[in-house]
């Protein structure tokens, strides 16, 4: 199969190892001569048929030809379900080396700093590439002319690539007259589409996984989303936001499983994988600490070096270990922050965008997942801080003290639920859907889940019955 698809003339396959994923099945195929290939097949939940596969291939080819970032080499692909294989697929060379989490603890401080610095240099390469719109990247040959915006000839002199509809799985699988899936020329258009998507989702049905107390009735969703839509043009034209809203291509899922390093030289990055659903989005929405470099709570941004707590010497052994761990996490986060400032000033500036401005775009698109309370919290934050955020005129928002007080009580319950969900996801190493990696022991995870629930219920400061906790429990 690999030989015929890739056209490499490789000997027949000697072994096939299946690797599960949330949105794709991946097959590691090894031929008799020892060559290794990855075959990716999208799952039904990956996104709109054809678009997800076609965009991932275009992104890999574009990054390979327009940057020095090491990515898998695509050998063959098809986004046509009627092909002889009967499914969409991508055949690519396996990235050499090992995932960085297998080397991180033993690679030493110098090598870690080297990788962090190099990572920000690669991100700088992406930040320097201009795009004409927001959406997903495609080969022009994959889409019809009416749904694309070509790249500037200075970036793409051969005219091979374009920006087209978003391939993200959150957008409707089929065309909807009420929701535009891109491409979008302005952040205002993007923001309005995010709101319309949330309205469509809410009208279809509310998220059954959310506690009823956090979901709110449909009327509240529509009223709050309507408020967001009314102020979106003003927020989209805010000077502080507009200056950091350039359309950029970015790898938004840099965890240790997606970064490969050389087995005998862990300071050498050999490849970045999993570019599925990579989008061209406003830079202020892209920039973030990579997952494995994310700072701990109370992280001091700016010219402040992480320190151990003042009472460190008085701590017991367990608390000292936690303090050391948090200091180490803060140190790597600081290394990334400083390296971004030095090597990728555009990304660093985008990280300084005031949170209320950024949050509007995040929250108006996730009301189905999170409920309406986080969006309302964002709107209240904008209402309170609009003078400090540089708006030329008052936003068409108003909340009285009674409304704010009632919201704060509701939002406190949301924060408690969010804290529980975050804790459970972290300990079980899972996502919002409860997906367990195939290399994990599912029976062990179920047992750990029960132990965690029983432990949480038994805590004296919870002040909730077992049934009340179960109503807040995510799984």
Protein backbone atom coordinates (compact mmCIF):
# COMPACT_ATOMS: atom_id res chain seq x y z
CA UNK A 1 0.00 0.00 0.00
CA UNK A 2 2.73 2.46 1.01
CA UNK A 3 4.81 1.61 -2.04
CA UNK A 4 1.94 2.16 -4.46
CA UNK A 5 0.70 5.35 -2.81
CA UNK A 6 4.05 6.99 -2.25
CA UNK A 7 5.51 5.99 -5.57
CA UNK A 8 8.80 5.27 -3.82
CA UNK A 9 9.09 1.73 -5.08
CA UNK A 10 9.74 0.64 -1.51
CA UNK A 11 9.64 -3.05 -0.63
CA UNK A 12 6.41 -4.42 0.74
CA UNK A 13 5.30 -3.57 4.25
CA UNK A 14 6.59 -5.85 7.00
CA UNK A 15 4.63 -4.41 9.95
CA UNK A 16 1.78 -2.02 10.72
CA UNK A 17 1.33 -0.34 14.09
CA UNK A 18 -1.91 1.51 14.77
CA UNK A 19 -1.79 4.80 16.70
CA UNK A 20 -5.05 6.29 17.94
CA UNK A 21 -5.81 10.00 17.88
CA UNK A 22 -8.71 12.25 18.70
CA UNK A 23 -9.30 13.30 15.08
CA UNK A 24 -7.23 10.84 13.01
CA UNK A 25 -6.08 7.26 12.90
CA UNK A 26 -2.37 6.99 12.21
CA UNK A 27 -0.65 3.87 10.91
CA UNK A 28 3.09 3.42 11.28
CA UNK A 29 4.13 1.22 8.37
CA UNK A 30 7.58 -0.34 8.25
CA UNK A 31 8.91 -1.89 5.05
CA UNK A 32 11.33 -4.79 4.77
CA UNK A 33 14.27 -2.44 4.22
CA UNK A 34 13.53 -0.64 7.52
CA UNK A 35 11.96 2.50 6.03
CA UNK A 36 9.09 3.94 8.07
CA UNK A 37 6.01 5.81 6.86
CA UNK A 38 3.01 7.37 8.56
CA UNK A 39 -0.44 7.01 7.00
CA UNK A 40 -3.04 9.37 8.47
CA UNK A 41 -6.75 8.73 7.98
CA UNK A 42 -9.17 11.37 9.34
CA UNK A 43 -11.95 10.32 11.72
CA UNK A 44 -15.54 11.40 11.01
CA UNK A 45 -15.25 14.11 13.69
CA UNK A 46 -12.14 15.67 12.09
CA UNK A 47 -14.07 18.37 10.28
CA UNK A 48 -15.62 19.10 6.91
CA UNK A 49 -14.92 16.32 4.39
CA UNK A 50 -11.97 17.09 2.09
CA UNK A 51 -11.09 20.39 3.76
CA UNK A 52 -9.26 18.95 6.78
CA UNK A 53 -6.98 16.68 4.74
CA UNK A 54 -6.38 19.19 1.95
CA UNK A 55 -5.48 21.94 4.40
CA UNK A 56 -3.09 19.81 6.45
CA UNK A 57 -1.18 18.83 3.32
CA UNK A 58 -1.00 22.44 2.15
CA UNK A 59 0.27 23.58 5.55
CA UNK A 60 3.01 20.93 5.61
CA UNK A 61 4.11 21.77 2.07
CA UNK A 62 4.00 25.52 2.73
CA UNK A 63 5.99 25.32 5.97
CA UNK A 64 8.60 23.08 4.31
CA UNK A 65 9.10 25.49 1.41
CA UNK A 66 8.75 28.84 3.19
CA UNK A 67 10.53 28.29 6.52
CA UNK A 68 13.35 26.25 8.05
CA UNK A 69 10.92 24.50 10.41
CA UNK A 70 11.35 20.71 10.12
CA UNK A 71 8.02 19.01 9.32
CA UNK A 72 7.05 15.63 7.83
CA UNK A 73 7.52 15.23 4.09
CA UNK A 74 4.23 14.40 2.35
CA UNK A 75 4.68 11.62 -0.21
CA UNK A 76 1.10 11.17 -1.38
CA UNK A 77 -2.39 12.20 -0.35
CA UNK A 78 -6.00 12.25 -1.38
CA UNK A 79 -8.99 14.19 -0.06
CA UNK A 80 -11.37 12.34 -2.38
CA UNK A 81 -13.51 9.64 -0.76
CA UNK A 82 -14.02 8.01 -4.16
CA UNK A 83 -10.32 7.18 -4.59
CA UNK A 84 -9.29 3.49 -4.85
CA UNK A 85 -8.48 3.36 -1.13
CA UNK A 86 -12.00 4.48 -0.25
CA UNK A 87 -11.00 7.11 2.29
CA UNK A 88 -9.09 10.35 2.63
CA UNK A 89 -5.44 9.80 3.54
CA UNK A 90 -2.00 11.35 3.85
CA UNK A 91 1.18 9.31 3.41
CA UNK A 92 4.29 10.93 4.84
CA UNK A 93 7.77 10.03 5.94
CA UNK A 94 8.10 9.29 9.62
CA UNK A 95 9.94 12.06 11.46
CA UNK A 96 13.28 10.68 12.73
CA UNK A 97 14.15 10.76 16.41
CA UNK A 98 12.02 10.50 19.53
CA UNK A 99 9.37 12.66 21.17
CA UNK A 100 10.94 15.27 23.38
CA UNK A 101 9.17 14.14 26.55
CA UNK A 102 11.39 11.05 26.49
CA UNK A 103 14.52 13.22 26.69
CA UNK A 104 13.45 16.40 28.51
CA UNK A 105 14.37 15.32 32.04
CA UNK A 106 17.83 14.10 31.04
CA UNK A 107 18.86 16.68 28.45
CA UNK A 108 20.26 19.31 30.83
CA UNK A 109 19.65 23.03 31.21
CA UNK A 110 21.87 24.12 28.31
CA UNK A 111 20.04 21.90 25.83
CA UNK A 112 16.63 22.97 27.12
CA UNK A 113 17.51 26.65 26.76
CA UNK A 114 18.83 25.96 23.26
CA UNK A 115 15.55 24.34 22.21
CA UNK A 116 13.44 27.11 23.75
CA UNK A 117 15.50 29.74 21.94
CA UNK A 118 15.28 27.86 18.63
CA UNK A 119 11.53 27.44 19.05
CA UNK A 120 11.00 31.20 19.30
CA UNK A 121 13.19 31.72 16.23
CA UNK A 122 10.99 29.34 14.24
CA UNK A 123 7.88 31.09 15.51
CA UNK A 124 9.44 34.34 14.35
CA UNK A 125 9.70 32.90 10.84
CA UNK A 126 5.96 32.21 10.86
CA UNK A 127 5.18 35.64 12.32
CA UNK A 128 7.00 37.32 9.42
CA UNK A 129 4.84 35.72 6.71
CA UNK A 130 1.88 37.94 5.70
CA UNK A 131 -1.47 36.43 4.74
CA UNK A 132 -4.41 38.25 3.12
CA UNK A 133 -7.20 36.82 5.29
CA UNK A 134 -8.15 34.55 8.17
CA UNK A 135 -9.17 30.93 7.57
CA UNK A 136 -7.23 27.82 6.58
CA UNK A 137 -4.42 27.33 4.07
CA UNK A 138 -4.96 25.25 0.93
CA UNK A 139 -3.42 24.54 -2.43
CA UNK A 140 -5.35 26.62 -4.95
CA UNK A 141 -6.04 23.45 -6.92
CA UNK A 142 -8.04 22.03 -4.00
CA UNK A 143 -10.82 24.65 -3.99
CA UNK A 144 -13.00 26.53 -6.43
CA UNK A 145 -12.15 30.15 -7.18
CA UNK A 146 -15.21 31.61 -5.44
CA UNK A 147 -14.14 30.36 -1.98
CA UNK A 148 -10.47 31.38 -1.97
CA UNK A 149 -8.29 34.44 -1.46
CA UNK A 150 -4.86 34.08 -3.17
CA UNK A 151 -1.62 34.84 -1.36
CA UNK A 152 0.41 37.85 -2.39
CA UNK A 153 2.90 37.06 -5.19
CA UNK A 154 5.74 38.23 -2.96
CA UNK A 155 4.96 35.30 -0.65
CA UNK A 156 3.78 32.80 -3.25
CA UNK A 157 5.27 33.75 -6.64
CA UNK A 158 4.12 30.51 -8.28
CA UNK A 159 0.52 31.03 -7.12
CA UNK A 160 0.21 27.60 -5.52
CA UNK A 161 -1.50 28.48 -2.24
CA UNK A 162 -4.58 30.32 -1.01
CA UNK A 163 -6.65 31.05 2.08
CA UNK A 164 -9.98 29.24 2.16
CA UNK A 165 -12.71 28.20 4.62
CA UNK A 166 -11.73 27.14 8.12
CA UNK A 167 -11.16 23.39 8.42
CA UNK A 168 -11.58 23.45 12.21
CA UNK A 169 -13.99 20.79 13.43
CA UNK A 170 -16.06 23.38 15.33
CA UNK A 171 -17.44 24.87 12.12
CA UNK A 172 -20.56 23.28 10.55
CA UNK A 173 -19.83 20.10 8.63
CA UNK A 174 -22.23 21.19 5.89
CA UNK A 175 -22.82 24.61 4.38
CA UNK A 176 -25.09 26.79 6.52
CA UNK A 177 -26.60 30.03 5.15
CA UNK A 178 -26.41 31.61 8.61
CA UNK A 179 -22.76 30.85 9.38
CA UNK A 180 -19.86 31.94 7.17
CA UNK A 181 -16.91 29.57 7.59
CA UNK A 182 -14.34 31.84 5.99
CA UNK A 183 -12.14 33.11 4.63
CA UNK A 184 -12.57 36.40 6.48
CA UNK A 185 -10.84 39.63 5.48
CA UNK A 186 -11.37 41.43 8.81
CA UNK A 187 -11.39 40.41 12.47
CA UNK A 188 -14.86 41.93 12.71
CA UNK A 189 -16.14 39.47 10.10
CA UNK A 190 -14.41 36.62 11.93
CA UNK A 191 -15.90 37.69 15.26
CA UNK A 192 -19.41 37.96 13.83
CA UNK A 193 -19.11 34.46 12.34
CA UNK A 194 -18.01 33.06 15.71
CA UNK A 195 -21.10 34.59 17.32
CA UNK A 196 -23.40 33.29 14.57
CA UNK A 197 -21.90 29.82 15.02
CA UNK A 198 -22.66 29.93 18.74
CA UNK A 199 -26.21 31.10 18.05
CA UNK A 200 -26.71 28.20 15.62
CA UNK A 201 -25.32 25.70 18.14
CA UNK A 202 -27.51 27.06 20.93
CA UNK A 203 -30.64 26.94 18.78
CA UNK A 204 -29.87 23.35 17.83
CA UNK A 205 -29.41 22.18 21.43
CA UNK A 206 -27.47 23.19 24.51
CA UNK A 207 -24.50 21.15 25.69
CA UNK A 208 -25.83 18.18 27.73
CA UNK A 209 -22.42 17.76 29.40
CA UNK A 210 -22.74 21.11 31.17
CA UNK A 211 -24.56 21.22 34.52
CA UNK A 212 -28.01 22.70 33.97
CA UNK A 213 -27.23 25.48 36.46
CA UNK A 214 -24.36 26.67 34.24
CA UNK A 215 -26.04 26.32 30.87
CA UNK A 216 -28.82 28.84 31.31
CA UNK A 217 -31.95 28.97 29.15
CA UNK A 218 -31.73 29.54 25.41
CA UNK A 219 -33.08 33.08 25.84
CA UNK A 220 -30.05 34.03 27.98
CA UNK A 221 -27.70 32.66 25.33
CA UNK A 222 -29.36 34.66 22.58
CA UNK A 223 -29.48 37.89 24.62
CA UNK A 224 -25.82 37.65 25.65
CA UNK A 225 -24.64 36.70 22.16
CA UNK A 226 -26.70 39.58 20.79
CA UNK A 227 -24.87 41.97 23.13
CA UNK A 228 -21.55 40.59 21.89
CA UNK A 229 -22.60 41.03 18.27
CA UNK A 230 -23.60 44.65 18.92
CA UNK A 231 -20.19 45.64 20.28
CA UNK A 232 -18.09 43.45 17.95
CA UNK A 233 -17.50 46.22 15.33
CA UNK A 234 -16.18 48.60 17.99
CA UNK A 235 -13.94 45.96 19.59
CA UNK A 236 -12.65 44.80 16.20
CA UNK A 237 -11.55 48.37 15.47
CA UNK A 238 -9.92 48.97 18.85
CA UNK A 239 -6.38 50.29 18.09
CA UNK A 240 -4.72 48.08 20.73
CA UNK A 241 -6.32 44.99 19.23
CA UNK A 242 -6.07 45.95 15.59
CA UNK A 243 -2.30 46.46 15.81
CA UNK A 244 -1.81 42.80 16.81
CA UNK A 245 -4.44 41.19 14.59
CA UNK A 246 -2.38 40.34 11.49
CA UNK A 247 -3.39 36.99 9.93
CA UNK A 248 -0.70 34.43 10.77
CA UNK A 249 -0.15 30.70 10.38
CA UNK A 250 0.77 29.06 13.69
CA UNK A 251 1.16 25.65 15.33
CA UNK A 252 -1.22 26.04 18.26
CA UNK A 253 -0.68 22.63 19.90
CA UNK A 254 2.98 22.45 20.85
CA UNK A 255 3.10 19.81 23.53
CA UNK A 256 5.97 17.40 24.12
CA UNK A 257 4.36 14.66 22.06
CA UNK A 258 4.42 16.83 18.92
CA UNK A 259 8.11 17.74 19.04
CA UNK A 260 10.77 15.23 17.98
CA UNK A 261 14.48 15.42 18.80
CA UNK A 262 17.48 13.36 17.73
CA UNK A 263 18.04 10.24 19.83
CA UNK A 264 21.77 10.91 20.23
CA UNK A 265 21.55 14.73 20.28
CA UNK A 266 18.42 15.89 22.14
CA UNK A 267 19.26 19.55 21.52
CA UNK A 268 18.55 18.97 17.82
CA UNK A 269 14.86 19.19 16.89
CA UNK A 270 14.11 16.81 14.03
CA UNK A 271 10.48 17.66 13.42
CA UNK A 272 7.14 19.08 14.49
CA UNK A 273 4.09 16.91 13.87
CA UNK A 274 0.29 17.21 14.07
CA UNK A 275 -0.48 20.27 11.94
CA UNK A 276 -4.09 19.15 11.52
CA UNK A 277 -6.58 22.04 11.97
CA UNK A 278 -3.76 24.60 11.80
CA UNK A 279 -5.41 27.94 11.11
CA UNK A 280 -4.55 31.39 9.85
CA UNK A 281 -5.85 33.51 12.72
CA UNK A 282 -5.20 36.91 14.32
CA UNK A 283 -1.77 36.82 15.92
CA UNK A 284 -3.20 37.83 19.30
CA UNK A 285 -5.28 34.63 19.32
CA UNK A 286 -2.33 32.42 18.37
CA UNK A 287 0.39 33.50 20.77
CA UNK A 288 0.70 31.57 24.02
CA UNK A 289 3.20 29.63 26.04
CA UNK A 290 3.59 26.11 24.61
CA UNK A 291 1.89 23.60 26.91
CA UNK A 292 5.12 22.21 28.33
CA UNK A 293 6.43 25.72 29.04
CA UNK A 294 3.23 27.14 30.55
CA UNK A 295 3.82 29.12 33.75
CA UNK A 296 2.48 28.11 37.17
CA UNK A 297 -0.01 30.21 39.12
CA UNK A 298 1.24 33.59 40.36
CA UNK A 299 3.90 33.65 37.64
CA UNK A 300 5.68 37.05 37.60
CA UNK A 301 5.77 38.35 34.02
CA UNK A 302 8.37 40.91 33.00
CA UNK A 303 11.82 41.55 34.46
CA UNK A 304 11.29 39.35 37.51
CA UNK A 305 13.17 36.09 37.90
CA UNK A 306 11.32 33.17 39.51
CA UNK A 307 12.27 32.59 43.14
CA UNK A 308 11.52 30.05 45.83
CA UNK A 309 8.90 31.18 48.39
CA UNK A 310 10.27 33.26 51.31
CA UNK A 311 9.22 30.56 53.78
CA UNK A 312 10.84 27.75 51.77
CA UNK A 313 13.21 26.73 54.58
CA UNK A 314 10.29 26.28 56.97
CA UNK A 315 8.38 23.96 54.63
CA UNK A 316 8.14 20.20 55.05
CA UNK A 317 9.71 17.91 52.45
CA UNK A 318 6.55 17.55 50.36
CA UNK A 319 5.90 21.30 50.16
CA UNK A 320 9.55 21.93 49.32
CA UNK A 321 9.28 19.51 46.42
CA UNK A 322 6.18 21.34 45.12
CA UNK A 323 7.93 24.71 45.50
CA UNK A 324 10.96 23.43 43.57
CA UNK A 325 8.70 22.08 40.84
CA UNK A 326 6.84 25.39 40.49
CA UNK A 327 10.11 27.33 40.39
CA UNK A 328 11.41 25.06 37.65
CA UNK A 329 8.20 25.50 35.62
CA UNK A 330 8.42 29.26 36.11
CA UNK A 331 12.07 29.23 35.01
CA UNK A 332 11.28 27.54 31.68
CA UNK A 333 8.30 29.85 31.18
CA UNK A 334 10.58 32.82 31.81
CA UNK A 335 13.10 31.46 29.32
CA UNK A 336 10.36 31.30 26.68
CA UNK A 337 9.08 34.78 27.57
CA UNK A 338 12.55 36.33 27.32
CA UNK A 339 13.44 34.43 24.14
CA UNK A 340 10.17 35.55 22.54
CA UNK A 341 10.95 39.17 23.46
CA UNK A 342 14.43 38.89 21.93
CA UNK A 343 13.68 36.75 18.87
CA UNK A 344 10.02 37.33 18.02
CA UNK A 345 8.98 40.84 19.02
CA UNK A 346 5.74 40.65 17.02
CA UNK A 347 4.57 37.64 19.02
CA UNK A 348 5.67 39.25 22.28
CA UNK A 349 3.65 42.40 21.54
CA UNK A 350 0.62 40.28 20.66
CA UNK A 351 0.93 38.57 24.05
CA UNK A 352 0.46 42.00 25.68
CA UNK A 353 -3.03 42.53 24.22
CA UNK A 354 -5.39 43.33 27.13
CA UNK A 355 -7.20 40.18 28.18
CA UNK A 356 -10.79 41.55 27.90
CA UNK A 357 -10.24 42.35 24.20
CA UNK A 358 -8.79 38.92 23.47
CA UNK A 359 -11.37 37.11 25.60
CA UNK A 360 -14.30 38.41 23.55
CA UNK A 361 -13.10 36.43 20.52
CA UNK A 362 -12.38 33.35 22.61
CA UNK A 363 -15.63 33.38 24.57
CA UNK A 364 -18.10 34.27 21.84
CA UNK A 365 -17.07 31.11 20.00
CA UNK A 366 -17.18 28.62 22.89
CA UNK A 367 -20.57 29.19 24.53
CA UNK A 368 -21.68 25.67 23.59
CA UNK A 369 -18.70 24.13 25.39
CA UNK A 370 -18.51 26.49 28.36
CA UNK A 371 -22.01 27.93 28.69
CA UNK A 372 -22.92 31.59 28.51
CA UNK A 373 -21.38 32.71 31.84
CA UNK A 374 -17.76 33.20 30.63
CA UNK A 375 -18.96 35.39 27.75
CA UNK A 376 -21.09 37.47 30.10
CA UNK A 377 -18.09 37.81 32.44
CA UNK A 378 -16.08 39.11 29.48
CA UNK A 379 -18.79 41.61 28.55
CA UNK A 380 -18.92 42.90 32.14
CA UNK A 381 -15.12 43.21 32.09
CA UNK A 382 -15.30 45.26 28.89
CA UNK A 383 -18.08 47.40 30.38
CA UNK A 384 -15.98 48.15 33.46
CA UNK A 385 -12.65 48.77 31.71
CA UNK A 386 -13.69 50.32 28.40
CA UNK A 387 -12.16 53.72 29.22
CA UNK A 388 -8.78 52.12 29.95
CA UNK A 389 -8.88 50.05 26.75
CA UNK A 390 -8.75 53.01 24.39
CA UNK A 391 -12.23 53.00 22.88
CA UNK A 392 -13.08 56.26 21.13
CA UNK A 393 -16.71 56.07 22.32
CA UNK A 394 -18.61 54.20 25.01
CA UNK A 395 -19.55 50.63 24.13
CA UNK A 396 -23.26 49.91 23.87
CA UNK A 397 -23.12 47.87 27.07
CA UNK A 398 -24.81 48.43 30.38
CA UNK A 399 -24.99 46.33 33.54
CA UNK A 400 -26.46 47.59 36.80
CA UNK A 401 -25.24 46.57 40.25
CA UNK A 402 -28.04 44.05 40.70
CA UNK A 403 -27.25 42.31 37.40
CA UNK A 404 -23.53 42.22 38.19
CA UNK A 405 -24.16 40.84 41.69
CA UNK A 406 -26.41 38.07 40.37
CA UNK A 407 -23.87 37.21 37.69
CA UNK A 408 -21.00 37.05 40.19
CA UNK A 409 -22.85 34.38 42.19
CA UNK A 410 -23.48 32.35 39.05
CA UNK A 411 -19.92 32.80 37.83
CA UNK A 412 -18.53 31.61 41.16
CA UNK A 413 -20.34 28.31 40.55
CA UNK A 414 -18.87 28.19 37.04
CA UNK A 415 -15.35 28.74 38.39
CA UNK A 416 -15.84 25.89 40.86
CA UNK A 417 -17.00 23.59 38.07
CA UNK A 418 -14.10 24.70 35.87
CA UNK A 419 -11.63 24.05 38.69
CA UNK A 420 -13.01 20.54 39.18
CA UNK A 421 -12.86 19.80 35.45
CA UNK A 422 -9.29 21.10 35.18
CA UNK A 423 -8.20 18.95 38.13
CA UNK A 424 -9.81 15.80 36.73
CA UNK A 425 -8.40 16.36 33.24
CA UNK A 426 -4.91 16.89 34.64
CA UNK A 427 -4.88 13.82 36.88
CA UNK A 428 -6.47 11.54 34.28
CA UNK A 429 -4.44 13.06 31.42
CA UNK A 430 -7.55 13.52 29.31
CA UNK A 431 -9.49 16.21 27.42
CA UNK A 432 -12.96 17.72 27.65
CA UNK A 433 -14.45 14.62 26.04
CA UNK A 434 -12.72 12.18 28.41
CA UNK A 435 -10.47 10.71 25.70
CA UNK A 436 -7.83 8.33 27.06
CA UNK A 437 -4.65 7.75 25.05
CA UNK A 438 -4.32 4.15 23.82
CA UNK A 439 -0.96 3.72 25.57
CA UNK A 440 -2.71 4.35 28.90
CA UNK A 441 -4.34 1.55 30.88
CA UNK A 442 -8.07 2.26 30.56
CA UNK A 443 -9.00 0.06 33.55
CA UNK A 444 -6.39 1.86 35.65
CA UNK A 445 -7.78 5.23 34.54
CA UNK A 446 -11.32 4.20 35.50
CA UNK A 447 -10.06 3.15 38.91
CA UNK A 448 -8.12 6.39 39.31
CA UNK A 449 -11.24 8.32 38.32
CA UNK A 450 -13.30 6.65 41.07
CA UNK A 451 -10.58 7.21 43.68
CA UNK A 452 -10.37 10.86 42.69
CA UNK A 453 -14.13 11.35 42.95
CA UNK A 454 -14.33 9.65 46.35
CA UNK A 455 -11.37 11.67 47.63
CA UNK A 456 -12.88 14.94 46.43
CA UNK A 457 -16.25 14.21 48.06
CA UNK A 458 -14.54 13.34 51.35
CA UNK A 459 -12.82 16.71 51.72
CA UNK A 460 -14.28 18.61 54.72
CA UNK A 461 -14.20 22.02 53.02
CA UNK A 462 -16.26 20.96 49.99
CA UNK A 463 -19.62 21.46 51.75
CA UNK A 464 -21.49 19.50 49.11
CA UNK A 465 -23.30 16.19 49.06
CA UNK A 466 -22.12 13.37 46.84
CA UNK A 467 -25.02 14.02 44.44
CA UNK A 468 -24.18 17.74 44.26
CA UNK A 469 -20.55 16.95 43.41
CA UNK A 470 -21.66 14.39 40.84
CA UNK A 471 -23.74 17.06 39.10
CA UNK A 472 -20.57 19.15 38.73
CA UNK A 473 -18.28 16.22 37.86
CA UNK A 474 -17.22 16.29 34.18
CA UNK A 475 -17.29 12.53 33.52
